[in-house]
Amino acid sequence: MTGIQIKNLRLRAVIGANDWEREVLQDVVISIRFKYDAQKAEMSDQVEDVFNYKTLTKRIIDEVEASRFNLLESLVNHVYKIVKENKEVQDVTVTVEKPNALRFCDNVIAVKSDKD
């Protein structure tokens, strides 16, 4: 199994339970980790043999930017489900950060994982 990390995918989304939060796009930072059987790709060194994480990332961008979420927990669950639709991936962990969500705090982070 080979591990893949998509780290710090920066998006803008409508997220928050407060009225003022729902009026503006806010920054969110998404990171994804998973494993898949890359043996064929490792042997062939051909792009058609790898898991297409560019397609996965594009779908996440499109869906997150087109959606509205009240809760960080809902957003992390939504992204997790998108990743898990790919049957070849295992040991999935999705992290979503909302920078400056709280005063005196860098960010608030929600994590959803196969291991939870």
PDB file of N, CA and C in Angstrom:
ATOM      1  N   MET A   1       0.841  -1.187   0.000  1.00  0.00           N
ATOM      2  CA  MET A   1       0.000   0.000   0.000  1.00  0.00           C
ATOM      3  C   MET A   1       0.883   1.246   0.000  1.00  0.00           C
ATOM      4  N   THR A   2       0.462   2.210  -0.756  1.00  0.00           N
ATOM      5  CA  THR A   2       1.174   3.482  -0.836  1.00  0.00           C
ATOM      6  C   THR A   2       0.298   4.573  -0.241  1.00  0.00           C
ATOM      7  N   GLY A   3       0.904   5.406   0.571  1.00  0.00           N
ATOM      8  CA  GLY A   3       0.173   6.516   1.172  1.00  0.00           C
ATOM      9  C   GLY A   3       0.243   7.761   0.304  1.00  0.00           C
ATOM     10  N   ILE A   4      -0.882   8.431   0.195  1.00  0.00           N
ATOM     11  CA  ILE A   4      -0.976   9.694  -0.538  1.00  0.00           C
ATOM     12  C   ILE A   4      -1.483  10.756   0.434  1.00  0.00           C
ATOM     13  N   GLN A   5      -0.909  11.940   0.337  1.00  0.00           N
ATOM     14  CA  GLN A   5      -1.391  13.073   1.123  1.00  0.00           C
ATOM     15  C   GLN A   5      -1.678  14.240   0.186  1.00  0.00           C
ATOM     16  N   ILE A   6      -2.847  14.798   0.321  1.00  0.00           N
ATOM     17  CA  ILE A   6      -3.201  16.056  -0.340  1.00  0.00           C
ATOM     18  C   ILE A   6      -3.257  17.054   0.803  1.00  0.00           C
ATOM     19  N   LYS A   7      -2.284  17.939   0.835  1.00  0.00           N
ATOM     20  CA  LYS A   7      -2.089  18.758   2.027  1.00  0.00           C
ATOM     21  C   LYS A   7      -2.411  20.229   1.760  1.00  0.00           C
ATOM     22  N   ASN A   8      -3.234  20.784   2.637  1.00  0.00           N
ATOM     23  CA  ASN A   8      -3.535  22.222   2.651  1.00  0.00           C
ATOM     24  C   ASN A   8      -4.173  22.730   1.364  1.00  0.00           C
ATOM     25  N   LEU A   9      -5.228  22.066   0.956  1.00  0.00           N
ATOM     26  CA  LEU A   9      -6.037  22.523  -0.171  1.00  0.00           C
ATOM     27  C   LEU A   9      -6.869  23.715   0.319  1.00  0.00           C
ATOM     28  N   ARG A  10      -6.562  24.890  -0.191  1.00  0.00           N
ATOM     29  CA  ARG A  10      -7.191  26.122   0.294  1.00  0.00           C
ATOM     30  C   ARG A  10      -8.391  26.483  -0.570  1.00  0.00           C
ATOM     31  N   LEU A  11      -9.557  26.555   0.093  1.00  0.00           N
ATOM     32  CA  LEU A  11     -10.799  26.868  -0.601  1.00  0.00           C
ATOM     33  C   LEU A  11     -11.528  27.994   0.116  1.00  0.00           C
ATOM     34  N   ARG A  12     -12.544  28.524  -0.545  1.00  0.00           N
ATOM     35  CA  ARG A  12     -13.426  29.521   0.062  1.00  0.00           C
ATOM     36  C   ARG A  12     -14.831  28.938   0.019  1.00  0.00           C
ATOM     37  N   ALA A  13     -15.500  28.993   1.157  1.00  0.00           N
ATOM     38  CA  ALA A  13     -16.821  28.376   1.259  1.00  0.00           C
ATOM     39  C   ALA A  13     -17.704  29.179   2.203  1.00  0.00           C
ATOM     40  N   VAL A  14     -19.003  28.983   2.045  1.00  0.00           N
ATOM     41  CA  VAL A  14     -19.948  29.520   3.018  1.00  0.00           C
ATOM     42  C   VAL A  14     -20.029  28.494   4.136  1.00  0.00           C
ATOM     43  N   ILE A  15     -19.560  28.887   5.317  1.00  0.00           N
ATOM     44  CA  ILE A  15     -19.570  27.975   6.458  1.00  0.00           C
ATOM     45  C   ILE A  15     -19.745  28.768   7.737  1.00  0.00           C
ATOM     46  N   GLY A  16     -20.668  28.305   8.564  1.00  0.00           N
ATOM     47  CA  GLY A  16     -20.887  28.936   9.851  1.00  0.00           C
ATOM     48  C   GLY A  16     -22.361  28.961  10.206  1.00  0.00           C
ATOM     49  N   ALA A  17     -22.627  28.983  11.492  1.00  0.00           N
ATOM     50  CA  ALA A  17     -24.000  28.991  11.986  1.00  0.00           C
ATOM     51  C   ALA A  17     -24.525  30.407  12.206  1.00  0.00           C
ATOM     52  N   ASN A  18     -23.623  31.369  12.328  1.00  0.00           N
ATOM     53  CA  ASN A  18     -24.034  32.753  12.553  1.00  0.00           C
ATOM     54  C   ASN A  18     -24.420  33.416  11.235  1.00  0.00           C
ATOM     55  N   ASP A  19     -25.387  34.332  11.301  1.00  0.00           N
ATOM     56  CA  ASP A  19     -25.854  35.015  10.092  1.00  0.00           C
ATOM     57  C   ASP A  19     -24.718  35.689   9.339  1.00  0.00           C
ATOM     58  N   TRP A  20     -23.838  36.377  10.059  1.00  0.00           N
ATOM     59  CA  TRP A  20     -22.754  37.106   9.394  1.00  0.00           C
ATOM     60  C   TRP A  20     -21.792  36.160   8.682  1.00  0.00           C
ATOM     61  N   GLU A  21     -21.645  34.939   9.207  1.00  0.00           N
ATOM     62  CA  GLU A  21     -20.753  33.964   8.573  1.00  0.00           C
ATOM     63  C   GLU A  21     -21.327  33.458   7.249  1.00  0.00           C
ATOM     64  N   ARG A  22     -22.634  33.495   7.125  1.00  0.00           N
ATOM     65  CA  ARG A  22     -23.293  32.949   5.952  1.00  0.00           C
ATOM     66  C   ARG A  22     -23.411  33.976   4.828  1.00  0.00           C
ATOM     67  N   GLU A  23     -22.939  35.182   5.094  1.00  0.00           N
ATOM     68  CA  GLU A  23     -23.008  36.251   4.096  1.00  0.00           C
ATOM     69  C   GLU A  23     -21.717  36.400   3.291  1.00  0.00           C
ATOM     70  N   VAL A  24     -20.654  35.741   3.733  1.00  0.00           N
ATOM     71  CA  VAL A  24     -19.355  35.898   3.073  1.00  0.00           C
ATOM     72  C   VAL A  24     -18.698  34.537   2.876  1.00  0.00           C
ATOM     73  N   LEU A  25     -17.837  34.468   1.875  1.00  0.00           N
ATOM     74  CA  LEU A  25     -17.021  33.267   1.710  1.00  0.00           C
ATOM     75  C   LEU A  25     -15.897  33.308   2.731  1.00  0.00           C
ATOM     76  N   GLN A  26     -15.642  32.172   3.353  1.00  0.00           N
ATOM     77  CA  GLN A  26     -14.582  32.078   4.350  1.00  0.00           C
ATOM     78  C   GLN A  26     -13.554  31.046   3.910  1.00  0.00           C
ATOM     79  N   ASP A  27     -12.347  31.237   4.385  1.00  0.00           N
ATOM     80  CA  ASP A  27     -11.278  30.294   4.075  1.00  0.00           C
ATOM     81  C   ASP A  27     -11.485  28.987   4.829  1.00  0.00           C
ATOM     82  N   VAL A  28     -11.248  27.895   4.139  1.00  0.00           N
ATOM     83  CA  VAL A  28     -11.132  26.581   4.766  1.00  0.00           C
ATOM     84  C   VAL A  28      -9.912  25.902   4.153  1.00  0.00           C
ATOM     85  N   VAL A  29      -9.264  25.077   4.946  1.00  0.00           N
ATOM     86  CA  VAL A  29      -8.068  24.367   4.490  1.00  0.00           C
ATOM     87  C   VAL A  29      -8.322  22.876   4.693  1.00  0.00           C
ATOM     88  N   ILE A  30      -8.241  22.116   3.614  1.00  0.00           N
ATOM     89  CA  ILE A  30      -8.565  20.691   3.649  1.00  0.00           C
ATOM     90  C   ILE A  30      -7.310  19.872   3.371  1.00  0.00           C
ATOM     91  N   SER A  31      -7.100  18.864   4.204  1.00  0.00           N
ATOM     92  CA  SER A  31      -6.012  17.906   3.976  1.00  0.00           C
ATOM     93  C   SER A  31      -6.599  16.499   3.994  1.00  0.00           C
ATOM     94  N   ILE A  32      -6.068  15.653   3.135  1.00  0.00           N
ATOM     95  CA  ILE A  32      -6.579  14.290   2.988  1.00  0.00           C
ATOM     96  C   ILE A  32      -5.401  13.331   2.965  1.00  0.00           C
ATOM     97  N   ARG A  33      -5.557  12.232   3.695  1.00  0.00           N
ATOM     98  CA  ARG A  33      -4.559  11.154   3.668  1.00  0.00           C
ATOM     99  C   ARG A  33      -5.292   9.861   3.386  1.00  0.00           C
ATOM    100  N   PHE A  34      -4.689   9.030   2.556  1.00  0.00           N
ATOM    101  CA  PHE A  34      -5.251   7.709   2.302  1.00  0.00           C
ATOM    102  C   PHE A  34      -4.166   6.802   1.741  1.00  0.00           C
ATOM    103  N   LYS A  35      -4.475   5.525   1.708  1.00  0.00           N
ATOM    104  CA  LYS A  35      -3.589   4.539   1.100  1.00  0.00           C
ATOM    105  C   LYS A  35      -4.340   3.833  -0.016  1.00  0.00           C
ATOM    106  N   TYR A  36      -3.579   3.378  -0.999  1.00  0.00           N
ATOM    107  CA  TYR A  36      -4.161   2.546  -2.052  1.00  0.00           C
ATOM    108  C   TYR A  36      -3.072   1.628  -2.591  1.00  0.00           C
ATOM    109  N   ASP A  37      -3.500   0.580  -3.269  1.00  0.00           N
ATOM    110  CA  ASP A  37      -2.560  -0.374  -3.849  1.00  0.00           C
ATOM    111  C   ASP A  37      -1.989   0.219  -5.136  1.00  0.00           C
ATOM    112  N   ALA A  38      -0.788   0.751  -5.051  1.00  0.00           N
ATOM    113  CA  ALA A  38      -0.145   1.419  -6.188  1.00  0.00           C
ATOM    114  C   ALA A  38       0.882   0.526  -6.874  1.00  0.00           C
ATOM    115  N   GLN A  39       0.837  -0.758  -6.603  1.00  0.00           N
ATOM    116  CA  GLN A  39       1.860  -1.663  -7.132  1.00  0.00           C
ATOM    117  C   GLN A  39       1.961  -1.607  -8.658  1.00  0.00           C
ATOM    118  N   LYS A  40       0.837  -1.587  -9.352  1.00  0.00           N
ATOM    119  CA  LYS A  40       0.866  -1.532 -10.819  1.00  0.00           C
ATOM    120  C   LYS A  40       1.531  -0.237 -11.286  1.00  0.00           C
ATOM    121  N   ALA A  41       1.177   0.875 -10.675  1.00  0.00           N
ATOM    122  CA  ALA A  41       1.765   2.170 -11.049  1.00  0.00           C
ATOM    123  C   ALA A  41       3.253   2.213 -10.721  1.00  0.00           C
ATOM    124  N   GLU A  42       3.620   1.639  -9.595  1.00  0.00           N
ATOM    125  CA  GLU A  42       5.033   1.631  -9.207  1.00  0.00           C
ATOM    126  C   GLU A  42       5.877   0.840 -10.205  1.00  0.00           C
ATOM    127  N   MET A  43       5.309  -0.216 -10.735  1.00  0.00           N
ATOM    128  CA  MET A  43       6.043  -1.044 -11.688  1.00  0.00           C
ATOM    129  C   MET A  43       6.058  -0.437 -13.095  1.00  0.00           C
ATOM    130  N   SER A  44       4.943   0.162 -13.504  1.00  0.00           N
ATOM    131  CA  SER A  44       4.833   0.662 -14.881  1.00  0.00           C
ATOM    132  C   SER A  44       5.339   2.090 -15.049  1.00  0.00           C
ATOM    133  N   ASP A  45       5.277   2.874 -13.991  1.00  0.00           N
ATOM    134  CA  ASP A  45       5.633   4.296 -14.048  1.00  0.00           C
ATOM    135  C   ASP A  45       4.775   5.039 -15.074  1.00  0.00           C
ATOM    136  N   GLN A  46       3.522   4.607 -15.200  1.00  0.00           N
ATOM    137  CA  GLN A  46       2.592   5.209 -16.157  1.00  0.00           C
ATOM    138  C   GLN A  46       1.433   5.874 -15.412  1.00  0.00           C
ATOM    139  N   VAL A  47       1.106   7.078 -15.829  1.00  0.00           N
ATOM    140  CA  VAL A  47       0.082   7.862 -15.151  1.00  0.00           C
ATOM    141  C   VAL A  47      -1.290   7.180 -15.180  1.00  0.00           C
ATOM    142  N   GLU A  48      -1.582   6.428 -16.213  1.00  0.00           N
ATOM    143  CA  GLU A  48      -2.890   5.770 -16.292  1.00  0.00           C
ATOM    144  C   GLU A  48      -3.058   4.658 -15.251  1.00  0.00           C
ATOM    145  N   ASP A  49      -1.989   4.278 -14.573  1.00  0.00           N
ATOM    146  CA  ASP A  49      -2.061   3.219 -13.572  1.00  0.00           C
ATOM    147  C   ASP A  49      -2.187   3.737 -12.133  1.00  0.00           C
ATOM    148  N   VAL A  50      -2.201   5.046 -11.956  1.00  0.00           N
ATOM    149  CA  VAL A  50      -2.291   5.591 -10.596  1.00  0.00           C
ATOM    150  C   VAL A  50      -3.729   5.943 -10.251  1.00  0.00           C
ATOM    151  N   PHE A  51      -3.985   6.068  -8.965  1.00  0.00           N
ATOM    152  CA  PHE A  51      -5.257   6.619  -8.507  1.00  0.00           C
ATOM    153  C   PHE A  51      -5.260   8.098  -8.889  1.00  0.00           C
ATOM    154  N   ASN A  52      -6.311   8.552  -9.522  1.00  0.00           N
ATOM    155  CA  ASN A  52      -6.345   9.917 -10.044  1.00  0.00           C
ATOM    156  C   ASN A  52      -6.764  10.901  -8.947  1.00  0.00           C
ATOM    157  N   TYR A  53      -5.787  11.369  -8.196  1.00  0.00           N
ATOM    158  CA  TYR A  53      -6.106  12.298  -7.113  1.00  0.00           C
ATOM    159  C   TYR A  53      -6.371  13.704  -7.614  1.00  0.00           C
ATOM    160  N   LYS A  54      -6.006  14.001  -8.854  1.00  0.00           N
ATOM    161  CA  LYS A  54      -6.383  15.296  -9.441  1.00  0.00           C
ATOM    162  C   LYS A  54      -7.904  15.363  -9.632  1.00  0.00           C
ATOM    163  N   THR A  55      -8.487  14.276 -10.127  1.00  0.00           N
ATOM    164  CA  THR A  55      -9.940  14.214 -10.296  1.00  0.00           C
ATOM    165  C   THR A  55     -10.644  14.306  -8.949  1.00  0.00           C
ATOM    166  N   LEU A  56     -10.120  13.608  -7.955  1.00  0.00           N
ATOM    167  CA  LEU A  56     -10.685  13.665  -6.608  1.00  0.00           C
ATOM    168  C   LEU A  56     -10.647  15.092  -6.072  1.00  0.00           C
ATOM    169  N   THR A  57      -9.520  15.743  -6.199  1.00  0.00           N
ATOM    170  CA  THR A  57      -9.363  17.108  -5.698  1.00  0.00           C
ATOM    171  C   THR A  57     -10.313  18.064  -6.408  1.00  0.00           C
ATOM    172  N   LYS A  58     -10.444  17.926  -7.712  1.00  0.00           N
ATOM    173  CA  LYS A  58     -11.353  18.799  -8.464  1.00  0.00           C
ATOM    174  C   LYS A  58     -12.791  18.629  -7.990  1.00  0.00           C
ATOM    175  N   ARG A  59     -13.199  17.406  -7.737  1.00  0.00           N
ATOM    176  CA  ARG A  59     -14.567  17.168  -7.262  1.00  0.00           C
ATOM    177  C   ARG A  59     -14.782  17.801  -5.894  1.00  0.00           C
ATOM    178  N   ILE A  60     -13.812  17.665  -5.016  1.00  0.00           N
ATOM    179  CA  ILE A  60     -13.920  18.273  -3.690  1.00  0.00           C
ATOM    180  C   ILE A  60     -14.029  19.789  -3.815  1.00  0.00           C
ATOM    181  N   ILE A  61     -13.182  20.387  -4.633  1.00  0.00           N
ATOM    182  CA  ILE A  61     -13.230  21.842  -4.833  1.00  0.00           C
ATOM    183  C   ILE A  61     -14.609  22.255  -5.343  1.00  0.00           C
ATOM    184  N   ASP A  62     -15.080  21.598  -6.376  1.00  0.00           N
ATOM    185  CA  ASP A  62     -16.373  21.951  -6.971  1.00  0.00           C
ATOM    186  C   ASP A  62     -17.515  21.841  -5.962  1.00  0.00           C
ATOM    187  N   GLU A  63     -17.553  20.748  -5.207  1.00  0.00           N
ATOM    188  CA  GLU A  63     -18.660  20.534  -4.275  1.00  0.00           C
ATOM    189  C   GLU A  63     -18.595  21.460  -3.066  1.00  0.00           C
ATOM    190  N   VAL A  64     -17.416  21.655  -2.522  1.00  0.00           N
ATOM    191  CA  VAL A  64     -17.293  22.516  -1.341  1.00  0.00           C
ATOM    192  C   VAL A  64     -17.619  23.960  -1.698  1.00  0.00           C
ATOM    193  N   GLU A  65     -17.109  24.429  -2.816  1.00  0.00           N
ATOM    194  CA  GLU A  65     -17.345  25.822  -3.190  1.00  0.00           C
ATOM    195  C   GLU A  65     -18.790  26.077  -3.612  1.00  0.00           C
ATOM    196  N   ALA A  66     -19.517  25.042  -4.014  1.00  0.00           N
ATOM    197  CA  ALA A  66     -20.912  25.197  -4.424  1.00  0.00           C
ATOM    198  C   ALA A  66     -21.898  24.951  -3.282  1.00  0.00           C
ATOM    199  N   SER A  67     -21.416  24.491  -2.142  1.00  0.00           N
ATOM    200  CA  SER A  67     -22.287  24.121  -1.026  1.00  0.00           C
ATOM    201  C   SER A  67     -22.260  25.168   0.074  1.00  0.00           C
ATOM    202  N   ARG A  68     -23.180  24.997   1.013  1.00  0.00           N
ATOM    203  CA  ARG A  68     -23.258  25.855   2.198  1.00  0.00           C
ATOM    204  C   ARG A  68     -23.326  24.927   3.410  1.00  0.00           C
ATOM    205  N   PHE A  69     -22.495  25.193   4.391  1.00  0.00           N
ATOM    206  CA  PHE A  69     -22.443  24.357   5.586  1.00  0.00           C
ATOM    207  C   PHE A  69     -22.611  25.228   6.822  1.00  0.00           C
ATOM    208  N   ASN A  70     -23.394  24.752   7.765  1.00  0.00           N
ATOM    209  CA  ASN A  70     -23.495  25.421   9.057  1.00  0.00           C
ATOM    210  C   ASN A  70     -22.321  25.043   9.947  1.00  0.00           C
ATOM    211  N   LEU A  71     -21.919  23.784   9.866  1.00  0.00           N
ATOM    212  CA  LEU A  71     -20.945  23.249  10.813  1.00  0.00           C
ATOM    213  C   LEU A  71     -19.697  22.707  10.123  1.00  0.00           C
ATOM    214  N   LEU A  72     -18.577  22.890  10.775  1.00  0.00           N
ATOM    215  CA  LEU A  72     -17.317  22.313  10.318  1.00  0.00           C
ATOM    216  C   LEU A  72     -17.427  20.789  10.274  1.00  0.00           C
ATOM    217  N   GLU A  73     -18.146  20.236  11.233  1.00  0.00           N
ATOM    218  CA  GLU A  73     -18.340  18.789  11.291  1.00  0.00           C
ATOM    219  C   GLU A  73     -19.073  18.269  10.052  1.00  0.00           C
ATOM    220  N   SER A  74     -20.031  19.033   9.562  1.00  0.00           N
ATOM    221  CA  SER A  74     -20.753  18.642   8.342  1.00  0.00           C
ATOM    222  C   SER A  74     -19.841  18.692   7.124  1.00  0.00           C
ATOM    223  N   LEU A  75     -19.013  19.710   7.066  1.00  0.00           N
ATOM    224  CA  LEU A  75     -18.087  19.846   5.940  1.00  0.00           C
ATOM    225  C   LEU A  75     -17.077  18.705   5.913  1.00  0.00           C
ATOM    226  N   VAL A  76     -16.478  18.382   7.052  1.00  0.00           N
ATOM    227  CA  VAL A  76     -15.487  17.301   7.071  1.00  0.00           C
ATOM    228  C   VAL A  76     -16.147  15.970   6.704  1.00  0.00           C
ATOM    229  N   ASN A  77     -17.378  15.750   7.147  1.00  0.00           N
ATOM    230  CA  ASN A  77     -18.099  14.527   6.805  1.00  0.00           C
ATOM    231  C   ASN A  77     -18.396  14.467   5.306  1.00  0.00           C
ATOM    232  N   HIS A  78     -18.760  15.589   4.718  1.00  0.00           N
ATOM    233  CA  HIS A  78     -19.051  15.647   3.281  1.00  0.00           C
ATOM    234  C   HIS A  78     -17.809  15.282   2.460  1.00  0.00           C
ATOM    235  N   VAL A  79     -16.680  15.869   2.802  1.00  0.00           N
ATOM    236  CA  VAL A  79     -15.437  15.578   2.076  1.00  0.00           C
ATOM    237  C   VAL A  79     -15.031  14.116   2.285  1.00  0.00           C
ATOM    238  N   TYR A  80     -15.162  13.621   3.504  1.00  0.00           N
ATOM    239  CA  TYR A  80     -14.838  12.224   3.816  1.00  0.00           C
ATOM    240  C   TYR A  80     -15.652  11.272   2.928  1.00  0.00           C
ATOM    241  N   LYS A  81     -16.940  11.541   2.793  1.00  0.00           N
ATOM    242  CA  LYS A  81     -17.799  10.683   1.967  1.00  0.00           C
ATOM    243  C   LYS A  81     -17.371  10.704   0.499  1.00  0.00           C
ATOM    244  N   ILE A  82     -16.965  11.866   0.005  1.00  0.00           N
ATOM    245  CA  ILE A  82     -16.481  11.951  -1.379  1.00  0.00           C
ATOM    246  C   ILE A  82     -15.262  11.047  -1.564  1.00  0.00           C
ATOM    247  N   VAL A  83     -14.327  11.115  -0.635  1.00  0.00           N
ATOM    248  CA  VAL A  83     -13.115  10.289  -0.729  1.00  0.00           C
ATOM    249  C   VAL A  83     -13.475   8.807  -0.644  1.00  0.00           C
ATOM    250  N   LYS A  84     -14.366   8.445   0.272  1.00  0.00           N
ATOM    251  CA  LYS A  84     -14.721   7.042   0.495  1.00  0.00           C
ATOM    252  C   LYS A  84     -15.521   6.427  -0.649  1.00  0.00           C
ATOM    253  N   GLU A  85     -16.066   7.248  -1.546  1.00  0.00           N
ATOM    254  CA  GLU A  85     -16.751   6.706  -2.725  1.00  0.00           C
ATOM    255  C   GLU A  85     -15.792   5.917  -3.608  1.00  0.00           C
ATOM    256  N   ASN A  86     -14.523   6.181  -3.491  1.00  0.00           N
ATOM    257  CA  ASN A  86     -13.490   5.484  -4.256  1.00  0.00           C
ATOM    258  C   ASN A  86     -13.117   4.208  -3.512  1.00  0.00           C
ATOM    259  N   LYS A  87     -13.574   3.096  -4.019  1.00  0.00           N
ATOM    260  CA  LYS A  87     -13.420   1.814  -3.320  1.00  0.00           C
ATOM    261  C   LYS A  87     -11.968   1.382  -3.152  1.00  0.00           C
ATOM    262  N   GLU A  88     -11.069   1.926  -3.981  1.00  0.00           N
ATOM    263  CA  GLU A  88      -9.671   1.503  -3.903  1.00  0.00           C
ATOM    264  C   GLU A  88      -8.894   2.171  -2.773  1.00  0.00           C
ATOM    265  N   VAL A  89      -9.475   3.179  -2.122  1.00  0.00           N
ATOM    266  CA  VAL A  89      -8.745   3.866  -1.054  1.00  0.00           C
ATOM    267  C   VAL A  89      -9.059   3.249   0.303  1.00  0.00           C
ATOM    268  N   GLN A  90      -8.058   3.277   1.178  1.00  0.00           N
ATOM    269  CA  GLN A  90      -8.181   2.744   2.536  1.00  0.00           C
ATOM    270  C   GLN A  90      -7.520   3.712   3.503  1.00  0.00           C
ATOM    271  N   ASP A  91      -7.771   3.507   4.781  1.00  0.00           N
ATOM    272  CA  ASP A  91      -7.142   4.306   5.841  1.00  0.00           C
ATOM    273  C   ASP A  91      -7.268   5.806   5.566  1.00  0.00           C
ATOM    274  N   VAL A  92      -8.487   6.244   5.327  1.00  0.00           N
ATOM    275  CA  VAL A  92      -8.759   7.641   4.975  1.00  0.00           C
ATOM    276  C   VAL A  92      -8.815   8.509   6.225  1.00  0.00           C
ATOM    277  N   THR A  93      -8.167   9.657   6.150  1.00  0.00           N
ATOM    278  CA  THR A  93      -8.281  10.700   7.169  1.00  0.00           C
ATOM    279  C   THR A  93      -8.467  12.028   6.450  1.00  0.00           C
ATOM    280  N   VAL A  94      -9.513  12.752   6.838  1.00  0.00           N
ATOM    281  CA  VAL A  94      -9.785  14.075   6.277  1.00  0.00           C
ATOM    282  C   VAL A  94      -9.738  15.083   7.412  1.00  0.00           C
ATOM    283  N   THR A  95      -9.023  16.165   7.182  1.00  0.00           N
ATOM    284  CA  THR A  95      -8.907  17.255   8.143  1.00  0.00           C
ATOM    285  C   THR A  95      -9.387  18.536   7.473  1.00  0.00           C
ATOM    286  N   VAL A  96     -10.265  19.262   8.155  1.00  0.00           N
ATOM    287  CA  VAL A  96     -10.726  20.552   7.650  1.00  0.00           C
ATOM    288  C   VAL A  96     -10.444  21.601   8.715  1.00  0.00           C
ATOM    289  N   GLU A  97      -9.745  22.645   8.309  1.00  0.00           N
ATOM    290  CA  GLU A  97      -9.403  23.744   9.208  1.00  0.00           C
ATOM    291  C   GLU A  97     -10.195  24.986   8.815  1.00  0.00           C
ATOM    292  N   LYS A  98     -10.647  25.701   9.830  1.00  0.00           N
ATOM    293  CA  LYS A  98     -11.293  26.994   9.616  1.00  0.00           C
ATOM    294  C   LYS A  98     -10.432  28.038  10.321  1.00  0.00           C
ATOM    295  N   PRO A  99      -9.577  28.726   9.567  1.00  0.00           N
ATOM    296  CA  PRO A  99      -8.683  29.715  10.174  1.00  0.00           C
ATOM    297  C   PRO A  99      -9.467  30.852  10.833  1.00  0.00           C
ATOM    298  N   ASN A 100      -8.929  31.313  11.945  1.00  0.00           N
ATOM    299  CA  ASN A 100      -9.485  32.467  12.657  1.00  0.00           C
ATOM    300  C   ASN A 100     -10.942  32.285  13.073  1.00  0.00           C
ATOM    301  N   ALA A 101     -11.345  31.044  13.316  1.00  0.00           N
ATOM    302  CA  ALA A 101     -12.731  30.786  13.706  1.00  0.00           C
ATOM    303  C   ALA A 101     -13.025  31.283  15.117  1.00  0.00           C
ATOM    304  N   LEU A 102     -12.009  31.273  15.953  1.00  0.00           N
ATOM    305  CA  LEU A 102     -12.161  31.742  17.329  1.00  0.00           C
ATOM    306  C   LEU A 102     -11.136  32.823  17.623  1.00  0.00           C
ATOM    307  N   ARG A 103     -11.512  33.725  18.455  1.00  0.00           N
ATOM    308  CA  ARG A 103     -10.602  34.783  18.880  1.00  0.00           C
ATOM    309  C   ARG A 103      -9.425  34.169  19.643  1.00  0.00           C
ATOM    310  N   PHE A 104      -8.250  34.684  19.412  1.00  0.00           N
ATOM    311  CA  PHE A 104      -7.013  34.231  20.056  1.00  0.00           C
ATOM    312  C   PHE A 104      -6.627  32.802  19.665  1.00  0.00           C
ATOM    313  N   CYS A 105      -7.083  32.364  18.513  1.00  0.00           N
ATOM    314  CA  CYS A 105      -6.843  30.983  18.077  1.00  0.00           C
ATOM    315  C   CYS A 105      -6.496  30.988  16.589  1.00  0.00           C
ATOM    316  N   ASP A 106      -5.483  30.220  16.202  1.00  0.00           N
ATOM    317  CA  ASP A 106      -5.113  30.154  14.787  1.00  0.00           C
ATOM    318  C   ASP A 106      -6.228  29.569  13.933  1.00  0.00           C
ATOM    319  N   ASN A 107      -6.781  28.443  14.391  1.00  0.00           N
ATOM    320  CA  ASN A 107      -7.843  27.797  13.630  1.00  0.00           C
ATOM    321  C   ASN A 107      -8.557  26.756  14.476  1.00  0.00           C
ATOM    322  N   VAL A 108      -9.686  26.321  13.977  1.00  0.00           N
ATOM    323  CA  VAL A 108     -10.416  25.196  14.551  1.00  0.00           C
ATOM    324  C   VAL A 108     -10.351  24.088  13.508  1.00  0.00           C
ATOM    325  N   ILE A 109     -10.123  22.869  13.975  1.00  0.00           N
ATOM    326  CA  ILE A 109      -9.906  21.745  13.064  1.00  0.00           C
ATOM    327  C   ILE A 109     -10.897  20.627  13.373  1.00  0.00           C
ATOM    328  N   ALA A 110     -11.524  20.091  12.320  1.00  0.00           N
ATOM    329  CA  ALA A 110     -12.367  18.901  12.440  1.00  0.00           C
ATOM    330  C   ALA A 110     -11.676  17.769  11.685  1.00  0.00           C
ATOM    331  N   VAL A 111     -11.701  16.582  12.272  1.00  0.00           N
ATOM    332  CA  VAL A 111     -11.037  15.422  11.672  1.00  0.00           C
ATOM    333  C   VAL A 111     -12.021  14.262  11.612  1.00  0.00           C
ATOM    334  N   LYS A 112     -12.054  13.593  10.466  1.00  0.00           N
ATOM    335  CA  LYS A 112     -12.840  12.363  10.327  1.00  0.00           C
ATOM    336  C   LYS A 112     -11.924  11.315   9.719  1.00  0.00           C
ATOM    337  N   SER A 113     -11.937  10.125  10.317  1.00  0.00           N
ATOM    338  CA  SER A 113     -10.981   9.102   9.925  1.00  0.00           C
ATOM    339  C   SER A 113     -11.606   7.716   9.986  1.00  0.00           C
ATOM    340  N   ASP A 114     -11.085   6.814   9.178  1.00  0.00           N
ATOM    341  CA  ASP A 114     -11.487   5.410   9.262  1.00  0.00           C
ATOM    342  C   ASP A 114     -11.163   4.827  10.630  1.00  0.00           C
ATOM    343  N   LYS A 115     -10.193   5.393  11.297  1.00  0.00           N
ATOM    344  CA  LYS A 115      -9.716   4.848  12.566  1.00  0.00           C
ATOM    345  C   LYS A 115     -10.555   5.286  13.756  1.00  0.00           C
ATOM    346  N   ASP A 116     -11.484   6.200  13.534  1.00  0.00           N
ATOM    347  CA  ASP A 116     -12.332   6.684  14.639  1.00  0.00           C
ATOM    348  C   ASP A 116     -13.488   5.757  14.898  1.00  0.00           C
TER     349      ASP A 116
END
